[in-house]
């Protein structure tokens, strides 16, 4: 839990050091979620570990001429593609998991998983609006984890909601400052 919080605190500051913390935290959560029969969350954390490597690279070298990536606004077409992808993948995996596994809350868990996948990519590209996505996802995740007796994780996600609001504010200020500097 400490690594997950440290990751988020570094992300709020837009520090690339959030990504190594995300890698280790995600690797540990694979085992937690698999043990709770939340298979999409376990797979999701494997993805998060891989995205931590991608995010590290993007934040350090993903800008013009391999410079640090700046915070930017998410284009409308990216939002539409993100929401369409989340909906389609949620319907497919929710149906499969509901039919063939003992998955707890297959559609809601699938939505949380796929929305998190897309939002992690938005964060790795340093799109400001990733924070809005996280606020919605983390809020929905709280009752799921509480229902599965993962009370510490539910509390962590409640804290994530608060920190996502702080991150949104911090990145909004930084994005405006970048705009004035450009």
N, C-alpha and C. Protein backbone atom coordinates (compact mmCIF):
# COMPACT_ATOMS: atom_id res chain seq x y z
N UNK A 1 0.82 -1.18 0.00
CA UNK A 1 0.00 0.00 0.00
C UNK A 1 0.87 1.26 0.00
N UNK A 2 1.96 1.23 0.73
CA UNK A 2 2.85 2.39 0.78
C UNK A 2 3.42 2.70 -0.61
N UNK A 3 3.75 1.67 -1.37
CA UNK A 3 4.27 1.90 -2.73
C UNK A 3 3.21 2.51 -3.63
N UNK A 4 1.98 2.05 -3.49
CA UNK A 4 0.89 2.58 -4.30
C UNK A 4 0.66 4.06 -3.99
N UNK A 5 0.71 4.41 -2.73
CA UNK A 5 0.55 5.81 -2.34
C UNK A 5 1.73 6.66 -2.80
N UNK A 6 2.92 6.12 -2.66
CA UNK A 6 4.12 6.84 -3.12
C UNK A 6 4.04 7.08 -4.62
N UNK A 7 3.59 6.07 -5.37
CA UNK A 7 3.41 6.23 -6.81
C UNK A 7 2.51 7.43 -7.10
N UNK A 8 1.37 7.46 -6.43
CA UNK A 8 0.40 8.52 -6.69
C UNK A 8 0.93 9.89 -6.30
N UNK A 9 1.64 9.97 -5.20
CA UNK A 9 2.22 11.26 -4.79
C UNK A 9 3.24 11.76 -5.80
N UNK A 10 4.05 10.85 -6.33
CA UNK A 10 5.01 11.25 -7.36
C UNK A 10 4.30 11.62 -8.67
N UNK A 11 3.21 10.91 -8.99
CA UNK A 11 2.44 11.23 -10.20
C UNK A 11 1.81 12.61 -10.08
N UNK A 12 1.29 12.94 -8.90
CA UNK A 12 0.70 14.27 -8.69
C UNK A 12 1.73 15.36 -8.99
N UNK A 13 2.97 15.10 -8.62
CA UNK A 13 4.05 16.06 -8.89
C UNK A 13 4.59 15.97 -10.31
N UNK A 14 3.99 15.08 -11.11
CA UNK A 14 4.42 14.84 -12.49
C UNK A 14 5.88 14.40 -12.56
N UNK A 15 6.30 13.61 -11.57
CA UNK A 15 7.66 13.07 -11.53
C UNK A 15 7.70 11.68 -12.16
N UNK A 16 8.62 11.48 -13.07
CA UNK A 16 8.77 10.18 -13.72
C UNK A 16 9.09 9.06 -12.73
N UNK A 17 9.54 9.42 -11.54
CA UNK A 17 9.86 8.40 -10.54
C UNK A 17 8.61 7.67 -10.04
N UNK A 18 7.43 8.16 -10.42
CA UNK A 18 6.21 7.43 -10.06
C UNK A 18 6.17 6.06 -10.73
N UNK A 19 6.77 5.95 -11.90
CA UNK A 19 6.65 4.71 -12.67
C UNK A 19 7.40 3.52 -12.07
N UNK A 20 8.62 3.66 -11.57
CA UNK A 20 9.25 2.51 -10.90
C UNK A 20 8.44 2.05 -9.67
N UNK A 21 7.87 3.00 -8.94
CA UNK A 21 7.03 2.65 -7.80
C UNK A 21 5.79 1.91 -8.26
N UNK A 22 5.22 2.34 -9.37
CA UNK A 22 4.04 1.67 -9.93
C UNK A 22 4.37 0.23 -10.32
N UNK A 23 5.55 0.03 -10.86
CA UNK A 23 5.96 -1.31 -11.28
C UNK A 23 5.95 -2.28 -10.10
N UNK A 24 6.61 -1.92 -9.03
CA UNK A 24 6.72 -2.81 -7.86
C UNK A 24 5.35 -3.00 -7.21
N UNK A 25 4.60 -1.93 -7.04
CA UNK A 25 3.28 -2.02 -6.44
C UNK A 25 2.37 -2.94 -7.24
N UNK A 26 2.38 -2.79 -8.54
CA UNK A 26 1.53 -3.61 -9.41
C UNK A 26 1.91 -5.09 -9.34
N UNK A 27 3.18 -5.36 -9.30
CA UNK A 27 3.62 -6.75 -9.20
C UNK A 27 3.09 -7.40 -7.91
N UNK A 28 3.08 -6.66 -6.82
CA UNK A 28 2.56 -7.20 -5.56
C UNK A 28 1.05 -7.40 -5.60
N UNK A 29 0.33 -6.49 -6.25
CA UNK A 29 -1.13 -6.60 -6.30
C UNK A 29 -1.63 -7.74 -7.18
N UNK A 30 -0.82 -8.26 -8.06
CA UNK A 30 -1.22 -9.42 -8.86
C UNK A 30 -1.66 -10.55 -7.92
N UNK A 31 -0.88 -10.79 -6.90
CA UNK A 31 -1.18 -11.88 -5.95
C UNK A 31 -2.39 -11.58 -5.08
N UNK A 32 -2.55 -10.34 -4.67
CA UNK A 32 -3.70 -9.96 -3.83
C UNK A 32 -5.01 -10.21 -4.57
N UNK A 33 -5.10 -9.73 -5.80
CA UNK A 33 -6.35 -9.85 -6.54
C UNK A 33 -6.63 -11.27 -7.00
N UNK A 34 -5.62 -12.01 -7.37
CA UNK A 34 -5.84 -13.40 -7.75
C UNK A 34 -6.40 -14.20 -6.57
N UNK A 35 -5.90 -13.93 -5.39
CA UNK A 35 -6.40 -14.62 -4.20
C UNK A 35 -7.83 -14.26 -3.85
N UNK A 36 -8.31 -13.10 -4.30
CA UNK A 36 -9.68 -12.66 -4.03
C UNK A 36 -10.63 -13.00 -5.18
N UNK A 37 -10.17 -13.77 -6.15
CA UNK A 37 -10.95 -14.17 -7.33
C UNK A 37 -11.39 -12.96 -8.16
N UNK A 38 -10.58 -11.94 -8.19
CA UNK A 38 -10.80 -10.78 -9.05
C UNK A 38 -9.75 -10.87 -10.16
N UNK A 39 -10.02 -11.76 -11.11
CA UNK A 39 -9.03 -12.12 -12.12
C UNK A 39 -8.69 -10.97 -13.05
N UNK A 40 -9.69 -10.18 -13.40
CA UNK A 40 -9.40 -9.05 -14.28
C UNK A 40 -8.47 -8.05 -13.57
N UNK A 41 -8.65 -7.88 -12.27
CA UNK A 41 -7.76 -6.99 -11.53
C UNK A 41 -6.34 -7.56 -11.46
N UNK A 42 -6.23 -8.88 -11.34
CA UNK A 42 -4.90 -9.49 -11.34
C UNK A 42 -4.21 -9.27 -12.68
N UNK A 43 -4.93 -9.54 -13.76
CA UNK A 43 -4.37 -9.32 -15.10
C UNK A 43 -4.08 -7.85 -15.31
N UNK A 44 -4.96 -7.02 -14.81
CA UNK A 44 -4.78 -5.57 -14.92
C UNK A 44 -3.44 -5.14 -14.31
N UNK A 45 -3.08 -5.72 -13.20
CA UNK A 45 -1.84 -5.33 -12.54
C UNK A 45 -0.60 -5.84 -13.27
N UNK A 46 -0.73 -6.90 -14.02
CA UNK A 46 0.36 -7.31 -14.91
C UNK A 46 0.55 -6.23 -15.98
N UNK A 47 -0.57 -5.78 -16.53
CA UNK A 47 -0.53 -4.69 -17.52
C UNK A 47 0.08 -3.43 -16.92
N UNK A 48 -0.34 -3.08 -15.67
CA UNK A 48 0.20 -1.88 -15.02
C UNK A 48 1.71 -1.95 -14.89
N UNK A 49 2.23 -3.12 -14.58
CA UNK A 49 3.69 -3.27 -14.45
C UNK A 49 4.36 -2.98 -15.80
N UNK A 50 3.78 -3.51 -16.88
CA UNK A 50 4.34 -3.25 -18.21
C UNK A 50 4.20 -1.77 -18.58
N UNK A 51 3.06 -1.18 -18.24
CA UNK A 51 2.85 0.24 -18.55
C UNK A 51 3.78 1.13 -17.74
N UNK A 52 4.22 0.67 -16.59
CA UNK A 52 5.16 1.45 -15.79
C UNK A 52 6.47 1.67 -16.56
N UNK A 53 6.88 0.66 -17.30
CA UNK A 53 8.09 0.80 -18.12
C UNK A 53 7.82 1.81 -19.25
N UNK A 54 6.67 1.66 -19.91
CA UNK A 54 6.28 2.58 -20.98
C UNK A 54 6.14 4.01 -20.45
N UNK A 55 5.47 4.18 -19.31
CA UNK A 55 5.28 5.50 -18.73
C UNK A 55 6.58 6.18 -18.37
N UNK A 56 7.50 5.40 -17.80
CA UNK A 56 8.82 5.93 -17.47
C UNK A 56 9.50 6.51 -18.71
N UNK A 57 9.48 5.72 -19.77
CA UNK A 57 10.10 6.17 -21.01
C UNK A 57 9.40 7.41 -21.57
N UNK A 58 8.07 7.37 -21.63
CA UNK A 58 7.32 8.50 -22.19
C UNK A 58 7.56 9.79 -21.41
N UNK A 59 7.49 9.70 -20.10
CA UNK A 59 7.63 10.92 -19.30
C UNK A 59 9.04 11.49 -19.39
N UNK A 60 10.02 10.65 -19.63
CA UNK A 60 11.40 11.13 -19.71
C UNK A 60 11.81 11.52 -21.12
N UNK A 61 11.29 10.79 -22.14
CA UNK A 61 11.79 10.99 -23.50
C UNK A 61 10.68 11.11 -24.56
N UNK A 62 9.41 11.16 -24.16
CA UNK A 62 8.31 11.13 -25.12
C UNK A 62 7.92 12.47 -25.72
N UNK A 63 8.61 13.53 -25.33
CA UNK A 63 8.33 14.85 -25.89
C UNK A 63 9.12 15.09 -27.17
N UNK A 64 9.01 16.31 -27.68
CA UNK A 64 9.75 16.65 -28.91
C UNK A 64 11.26 16.45 -28.73
N UNK A 65 11.88 15.87 -29.75
CA UNK A 65 13.33 15.61 -29.76
C UNK A 65 13.78 14.83 -28.52
N UNK A 66 12.99 13.86 -28.13
CA UNK A 66 13.28 12.98 -26.97
C UNK A 66 13.42 13.74 -25.66
N UNK A 67 12.68 14.84 -25.53
CA UNK A 67 12.69 15.60 -24.28
C UNK A 67 11.60 15.06 -23.36
N UNK A 68 11.54 15.60 -22.15
CA UNK A 68 10.50 15.22 -21.20
C UNK A 68 9.12 15.58 -21.77
N UNK A 69 8.16 14.73 -21.53
CA UNK A 69 6.80 14.94 -22.01
C UNK A 69 6.10 15.97 -21.13
N UNK A 70 5.43 16.92 -21.75
CA UNK A 70 4.69 17.95 -21.02
C UNK A 70 3.25 17.50 -20.79
N UNK A 71 2.62 18.02 -19.77
CA UNK A 71 1.20 17.78 -19.52
C UNK A 71 0.42 18.46 -20.65
N UNK A 72 -0.59 17.76 -21.19
CA UNK A 72 -1.39 18.34 -22.27
C UNK A 72 -2.85 17.94 -22.10
N UNK A 73 -3.72 18.61 -22.83
CA UNK A 73 -5.15 18.31 -22.83
C UNK A 73 -5.41 17.11 -23.75
N UNK A 74 -6.39 16.32 -23.41
CA UNK A 74 -6.76 15.15 -24.21
C UNK A 74 -7.64 15.58 -25.37
N UNK A 75 -7.25 15.26 -26.60
CA UNK A 75 -8.10 15.59 -27.75
C UNK A 75 -9.45 14.86 -27.68
N UNK A 76 -10.49 15.47 -28.21
CA UNK A 76 -11.85 14.88 -28.19
C UNK A 76 -11.87 13.51 -28.84
N UNK A 77 -11.17 13.34 -29.95
CA UNK A 77 -11.16 12.05 -30.64
C UNK A 77 -10.56 10.96 -29.77
N UNK A 78 -9.61 11.32 -28.92
CA UNK A 78 -9.01 10.34 -28.00
C UNK A 78 -10.03 9.95 -26.93
N UNK A 79 -10.79 10.93 -26.43
CA UNK A 79 -11.85 10.61 -25.46
C UNK A 79 -12.87 9.66 -26.07
N UNK A 80 -13.32 9.94 -27.29
CA UNK A 80 -14.32 9.08 -27.94
C UNK A 80 -13.77 7.67 -28.15
N UNK A 81 -12.55 7.57 -28.61
CA UNK A 81 -11.94 6.25 -28.80
C UNK A 81 -11.78 5.52 -27.47
N UNK A 82 -11.39 6.25 -26.43
CA UNK A 82 -11.21 5.65 -25.11
C UNK A 82 -12.52 5.10 -24.58
N UNK A 83 -13.58 5.89 -24.63
CA UNK A 83 -14.87 5.46 -24.10
C UNK A 83 -15.46 4.31 -24.91
N UNK A 84 -15.32 4.35 -26.24
CA UNK A 84 -15.79 3.25 -27.08
C UNK A 84 -15.05 1.95 -26.80
N UNK A 85 -13.75 2.06 -26.64
CA UNK A 85 -12.92 0.88 -26.34
C UNK A 85 -13.31 0.29 -24.99
N UNK A 86 -13.48 1.14 -23.99
CA UNK A 86 -13.86 0.67 -22.66
C UNK A 86 -15.20 -0.06 -22.71
N UNK A 87 -16.19 0.52 -23.37
CA UNK A 87 -17.51 -0.09 -23.45
C UNK A 87 -17.47 -1.44 -24.15
N UNK A 88 -16.84 -1.50 -25.30
CA UNK A 88 -16.78 -2.75 -26.07
C UNK A 88 -16.07 -3.86 -25.29
N UNK A 89 -14.89 -3.55 -24.77
CA UNK A 89 -14.13 -4.58 -24.04
C UNK A 89 -14.82 -5.00 -22.74
N UNK A 90 -15.52 -4.07 -22.10
CA UNK A 90 -16.27 -4.42 -20.89
C UNK A 90 -17.37 -5.42 -21.22
N UNK A 91 -18.11 -5.17 -22.29
CA UNK A 91 -19.19 -6.08 -22.67
C UNK A 91 -18.67 -7.47 -23.02
N UNK A 92 -17.58 -7.53 -23.75
CA UNK A 92 -17.02 -8.82 -24.16
C UNK A 92 -16.47 -9.58 -22.95
N UNK A 93 -15.59 -8.95 -22.18
CA UNK A 93 -14.97 -9.69 -21.07
C UNK A 93 -15.97 -9.95 -19.95
N UNK A 94 -16.91 -9.04 -19.71
CA UNK A 94 -17.93 -9.28 -18.68
C UNK A 94 -18.77 -10.49 -19.02
N UNK A 95 -19.12 -10.62 -20.29
CA UNK A 95 -19.91 -11.78 -20.74
C UNK A 95 -19.12 -13.08 -20.58
N UNK A 96 -17.89 -13.08 -21.01
CA UNK A 96 -17.05 -14.29 -20.91
C UNK A 96 -16.82 -14.66 -19.45
N UNK A 97 -16.47 -13.69 -18.63
CA UNK A 97 -16.20 -13.98 -17.22
C UNK A 97 -17.46 -14.42 -16.48
N UNK A 98 -18.59 -13.80 -16.80
CA UNK A 98 -19.84 -14.19 -16.16
C UNK A 98 -20.28 -15.59 -16.52
N UNK A 99 -19.97 -16.01 -17.71
CA UNK A 99 -20.39 -17.33 -18.18
C UNK A 99 -19.43 -18.45 -17.76
N UNK A 100 -18.14 -18.21 -17.76
CA UNK A 100 -17.16 -19.29 -17.63
C UNK A 100 -16.33 -19.28 -16.34
N UNK A 101 -16.51 -18.30 -15.47
CA UNK A 101 -15.70 -18.27 -14.25
C UNK A 101 -16.58 -17.99 -13.03
N UNK A 102 -15.96 -18.03 -11.88
CA UNK A 102 -16.64 -17.64 -10.64
C UNK A 102 -16.37 -16.17 -10.32
N UNK A 103 -16.13 -15.39 -11.34
CA UNK A 103 -15.79 -13.97 -11.23
C UNK A 103 -16.84 -13.22 -10.40
N UNK A 104 -16.37 -12.47 -9.43
CA UNK A 104 -17.24 -11.58 -8.67
C UNK A 104 -17.53 -10.33 -9.51
N UNK A 105 -18.78 -9.98 -9.68
CA UNK A 105 -19.22 -8.77 -10.38
C UNK A 105 -18.54 -8.65 -11.76
N UNK A 106 -18.81 -9.58 -12.67
CA UNK A 106 -18.04 -9.62 -13.92
C UNK A 106 -18.08 -8.36 -14.77
N UNK A 107 -19.23 -7.71 -14.90
CA UNK A 107 -19.28 -6.52 -15.74
C UNK A 107 -18.67 -5.31 -15.05
N UNK A 108 -18.92 -5.15 -13.79
CA UNK A 108 -18.34 -4.00 -13.08
C UNK A 108 -16.82 -4.17 -12.97
N UNK A 109 -16.38 -5.37 -12.63
CA UNK A 109 -14.94 -5.61 -12.54
C UNK A 109 -14.28 -5.44 -13.90
N UNK A 110 -14.95 -5.89 -14.95
CA UNK A 110 -14.41 -5.72 -16.30
C UNK A 110 -14.33 -4.24 -16.66
N UNK A 111 -15.38 -3.48 -16.31
CA UNK A 111 -15.35 -2.04 -16.59
C UNK A 111 -14.18 -1.38 -15.86
N UNK A 112 -14.01 -1.70 -14.58
CA UNK A 112 -12.90 -1.11 -13.81
C UNK A 112 -11.56 -1.46 -14.46
N UNK A 113 -11.44 -2.72 -14.87
CA UNK A 113 -10.18 -3.17 -15.47
C UNK A 113 -9.90 -2.45 -16.79
N UNK A 114 -10.87 -2.46 -17.71
CA UNK A 114 -10.62 -1.86 -19.02
C UNK A 114 -10.51 -0.35 -18.95
N UNK A 115 -11.31 0.27 -18.09
CA UNK A 115 -11.18 1.72 -17.92
C UNK A 115 -9.81 2.06 -17.35
N UNK A 116 -9.31 1.22 -16.46
CA UNK A 116 -7.98 1.44 -15.89
C UNK A 116 -6.88 1.27 -16.92
N UNK A 117 -7.05 0.30 -17.82
CA UNK A 117 -6.08 0.10 -18.90
C UNK A 117 -5.99 1.36 -19.76
N UNK A 118 -7.14 1.83 -20.20
CA UNK A 118 -7.16 3.02 -21.06
C UNK A 118 -6.63 4.24 -20.31
N UNK A 119 -7.04 4.38 -19.06
CA UNK A 119 -6.63 5.56 -18.29
C UNK A 119 -5.14 5.53 -17.97
N UNK A 120 -4.58 4.36 -17.77
CA UNK A 120 -3.14 4.26 -17.56
C UNK A 120 -2.39 4.75 -18.80
N UNK A 121 -2.90 4.41 -19.97
CA UNK A 121 -2.29 4.91 -21.20
C UNK A 121 -2.40 6.44 -21.25
N UNK A 122 -3.59 6.98 -20.88
CA UNK A 122 -3.76 8.44 -20.86
C UNK A 122 -2.75 9.08 -19.90
N UNK A 123 -2.55 8.45 -18.74
CA UNK A 123 -1.58 8.97 -17.76
C UNK A 123 -0.15 8.88 -18.31
N UNK A 124 0.16 7.77 -18.97
CA UNK A 124 1.51 7.61 -19.52
C UNK A 124 1.79 8.64 -20.61
N UNK A 125 0.74 9.11 -21.28
CA UNK A 125 0.89 10.15 -22.30
C UNK A 125 0.77 11.54 -21.69
N UNK A 126 0.59 11.60 -20.37
CA UNK A 126 0.52 12.84 -19.59
C UNK A 126 -0.65 13.73 -20.01
N UNK A 127 -1.79 13.09 -20.32
CA UNK A 127 -3.00 13.83 -20.60
C UNK A 127 -3.65 14.25 -19.30
N UNK A 128 -3.94 15.52 -19.15
CA UNK A 128 -4.52 16.10 -17.94
C UNK A 128 -5.78 15.36 -17.48
N UNK A 129 -6.65 15.04 -18.40
CA UNK A 129 -7.96 14.48 -18.04
C UNK A 129 -7.90 13.06 -17.51
N UNK A 130 -6.73 12.44 -17.52
CA UNK A 130 -6.63 11.11 -16.93
C UNK A 130 -7.12 11.13 -15.49
N UNK A 131 -6.96 12.25 -14.80
CA UNK A 131 -7.39 12.35 -13.40
C UNK A 131 -8.90 12.23 -13.26
N UNK A 132 -9.67 12.79 -14.20
CA UNK A 132 -11.13 12.64 -14.16
C UNK A 132 -11.52 11.16 -14.29
N UNK A 133 -10.87 10.47 -15.19
CA UNK A 133 -11.13 9.04 -15.36
C UNK A 133 -10.84 8.29 -14.06
N UNK A 134 -9.69 8.61 -13.44
CA UNK A 134 -9.32 7.91 -12.19
C UNK A 134 -10.32 8.18 -11.07
N UNK A 135 -10.83 9.40 -11.00
CA UNK A 135 -11.81 9.72 -9.97
C UNK A 135 -13.03 8.81 -10.12
N UNK A 136 -13.52 8.65 -11.35
CA UNK A 136 -14.69 7.79 -11.60
C UNK A 136 -14.38 6.32 -11.33
N UNK A 137 -13.26 5.84 -11.84
CA UNK A 137 -12.89 4.42 -11.68
C UNK A 137 -12.69 4.07 -10.21
N UNK A 138 -11.92 4.88 -9.51
CA UNK A 138 -11.61 4.59 -8.11
C UNK A 138 -12.86 4.65 -7.23
N UNK A 139 -13.77 5.57 -7.54
CA UNK A 139 -15.02 5.66 -6.79
C UNK A 139 -15.85 4.39 -6.98
N UNK A 140 -15.92 3.89 -8.20
CA UNK A 140 -16.65 2.65 -8.47
C UNK A 140 -15.99 1.44 -7.84
N UNK A 141 -14.67 1.43 -7.75
CA UNK A 141 -13.93 0.28 -7.22
C UNK A 141 -14.12 0.10 -5.71
N UNK A 142 -14.38 1.17 -5.00
CA UNK A 142 -14.47 1.08 -3.53
C UNK A 142 -15.50 0.04 -3.07
N UNK A 143 -16.76 0.08 -3.53
CA UNK A 143 -17.71 -0.94 -3.06
C UNK A 143 -17.38 -2.35 -3.54
N UNK A 144 -16.73 -2.47 -4.69
CA UNK A 144 -16.34 -3.81 -5.18
C UNK A 144 -15.35 -4.44 -4.22
N UNK A 145 -14.33 -3.70 -3.85
CA UNK A 145 -13.31 -4.24 -2.95
C UNK A 145 -13.86 -4.46 -1.55
N UNK A 146 -14.72 -3.58 -1.10
CA UNK A 146 -15.35 -3.76 0.21
C UNK A 146 -16.19 -5.03 0.22
N UNK A 147 -16.92 -5.28 -0.85
CA UNK A 147 -17.75 -6.49 -0.96
C UNK A 147 -16.92 -7.76 -0.92
N UNK A 148 -15.70 -7.72 -1.41
CA UNK A 148 -14.82 -8.90 -1.46
C UNK A 148 -13.93 -8.98 -0.21
N UNK A 149 -14.28 -8.25 0.83
CA UNK A 149 -13.54 -8.22 2.09
C UNK A 149 -12.10 -7.74 1.93
N UNK A 150 -11.88 -6.88 0.98
CA UNK A 150 -10.57 -6.26 0.79
C UNK A 150 -10.66 -4.83 1.34
N UNK A 151 -10.93 -4.73 2.65
CA UNK A 151 -11.21 -3.43 3.25
C UNK A 151 -10.02 -2.48 3.18
N UNK A 152 -8.81 -2.98 3.32
CA UNK A 152 -7.63 -2.10 3.22
C UNK A 152 -7.52 -1.54 1.80
N UNK A 153 -7.79 -2.39 0.82
CA UNK A 153 -7.75 -1.93 -0.57
C UNK A 153 -8.88 -0.94 -0.83
N UNK A 154 -10.06 -1.17 -0.27
CA UNK A 154 -11.17 -0.23 -0.43
C UNK A 154 -10.80 1.13 0.16
N UNK A 155 -10.17 1.11 1.33
CA UNK A 155 -9.72 2.37 1.94
C UNK A 155 -8.65 3.05 1.08
N UNK A 156 -7.74 2.25 0.54
CA UNK A 156 -6.72 2.80 -0.35
C UNK A 156 -7.36 3.50 -1.54
N UNK A 157 -8.40 2.89 -2.11
CA UNK A 157 -9.05 3.49 -3.27
C UNK A 157 -9.85 4.73 -2.89
N UNK A 158 -10.37 4.79 -1.67
CA UNK A 158 -11.01 6.02 -1.19
C UNK A 158 -9.97 7.14 -1.11
N UNK A 159 -8.79 6.81 -0.63
CA UNK A 159 -7.71 7.78 -0.59
C UNK A 159 -7.28 8.17 -2.00
N UNK A 160 -7.28 7.19 -2.92
CA UNK A 160 -6.96 7.48 -4.32
C UNK A 160 -7.90 8.53 -4.90
N UNK A 161 -9.18 8.45 -4.55
CA UNK A 161 -10.14 9.43 -5.06
C UNK A 161 -9.73 10.84 -4.61
N UNK A 162 -9.42 10.96 -3.34
CA UNK A 162 -9.00 12.26 -2.80
C UNK A 162 -7.72 12.73 -3.49
N UNK A 163 -6.76 11.85 -3.62
CA UNK A 163 -5.49 12.23 -4.25
C UNK A 163 -5.65 12.51 -5.74
N UNK A 164 -6.59 11.84 -6.39
CA UNK A 164 -6.85 12.13 -7.81
C UNK A 164 -7.40 13.55 -7.98
N UNK A 165 -8.22 13.98 -7.04
CA UNK A 165 -8.71 15.36 -7.08
C UNK A 165 -7.53 16.33 -6.90
N UNK A 166 -6.63 16.01 -5.98
CA UNK A 166 -5.43 16.83 -5.78
C UNK A 166 -4.58 16.82 -7.06
N UNK A 167 -4.41 15.64 -7.66
CA UNK A 167 -3.64 15.53 -8.90
C UNK A 167 -4.25 16.34 -10.03
N UNK A 168 -5.57 16.30 -10.15
CA UNK A 168 -6.26 17.07 -11.18
C UNK A 168 -5.98 18.56 -11.00
N UNK A 169 -6.07 19.01 -9.79
CA UNK A 169 -5.82 20.44 -9.51
C UNK A 169 -4.36 20.80 -9.82
N UNK A 170 -3.45 19.97 -9.34
CA UNK A 170 -2.02 20.23 -9.55
C UNK A 170 -1.67 20.25 -11.03
N UNK A 171 -2.14 19.26 -11.78
CA UNK A 171 -1.83 19.20 -13.21
C UNK A 171 -2.51 20.33 -13.98
N UNK A 172 -3.70 20.75 -13.54
CA UNK A 172 -4.39 21.86 -14.20
C UNK A 172 -3.56 23.13 -14.07
N UNK A 173 -3.06 23.38 -12.87
CA UNK A 173 -2.21 24.55 -12.63
C UNK A 173 -0.94 24.45 -13.48
N UNK A 174 -0.32 23.28 -13.50
CA UNK A 174 0.92 23.11 -14.27
C UNK A 174 0.66 23.26 -15.77
N UNK A 175 -0.46 22.72 -16.25
CA UNK A 175 -0.79 22.82 -17.67
C UNK A 175 -1.02 24.28 -18.07
N UNK A 176 -1.70 25.03 -17.23
CA UNK A 176 -1.91 26.46 -17.50
C UNK A 176 -0.58 27.20 -17.50
N UNK A 177 0.29 26.87 -16.56
CA UNK A 177 1.61 27.52 -16.49
C UNK A 177 2.43 27.20 -17.73
N UNK A 178 2.38 25.96 -18.20
CA UNK A 178 3.08 25.57 -19.43
C UNK A 178 2.57 26.38 -20.62
N UNK A 179 1.24 26.59 -20.65
CA UNK A 179 0.63 27.37 -21.74
C UNK A 179 1.10 28.80 -21.75
N UNK A 180 1.27 29.37 -20.58
CA UNK A 180 1.78 30.75 -20.50
C UNK A 180 3.25 30.81 -20.89
N UNK A 181 3.99 29.74 -20.59
CA UNK A 181 5.43 29.73 -20.89
C UNK A 181 5.70 29.52 -22.39
N UNK A 182 4.75 28.88 -23.06
CA UNK A 182 4.96 28.54 -24.49
C UNK A 182 4.76 29.66 -25.40
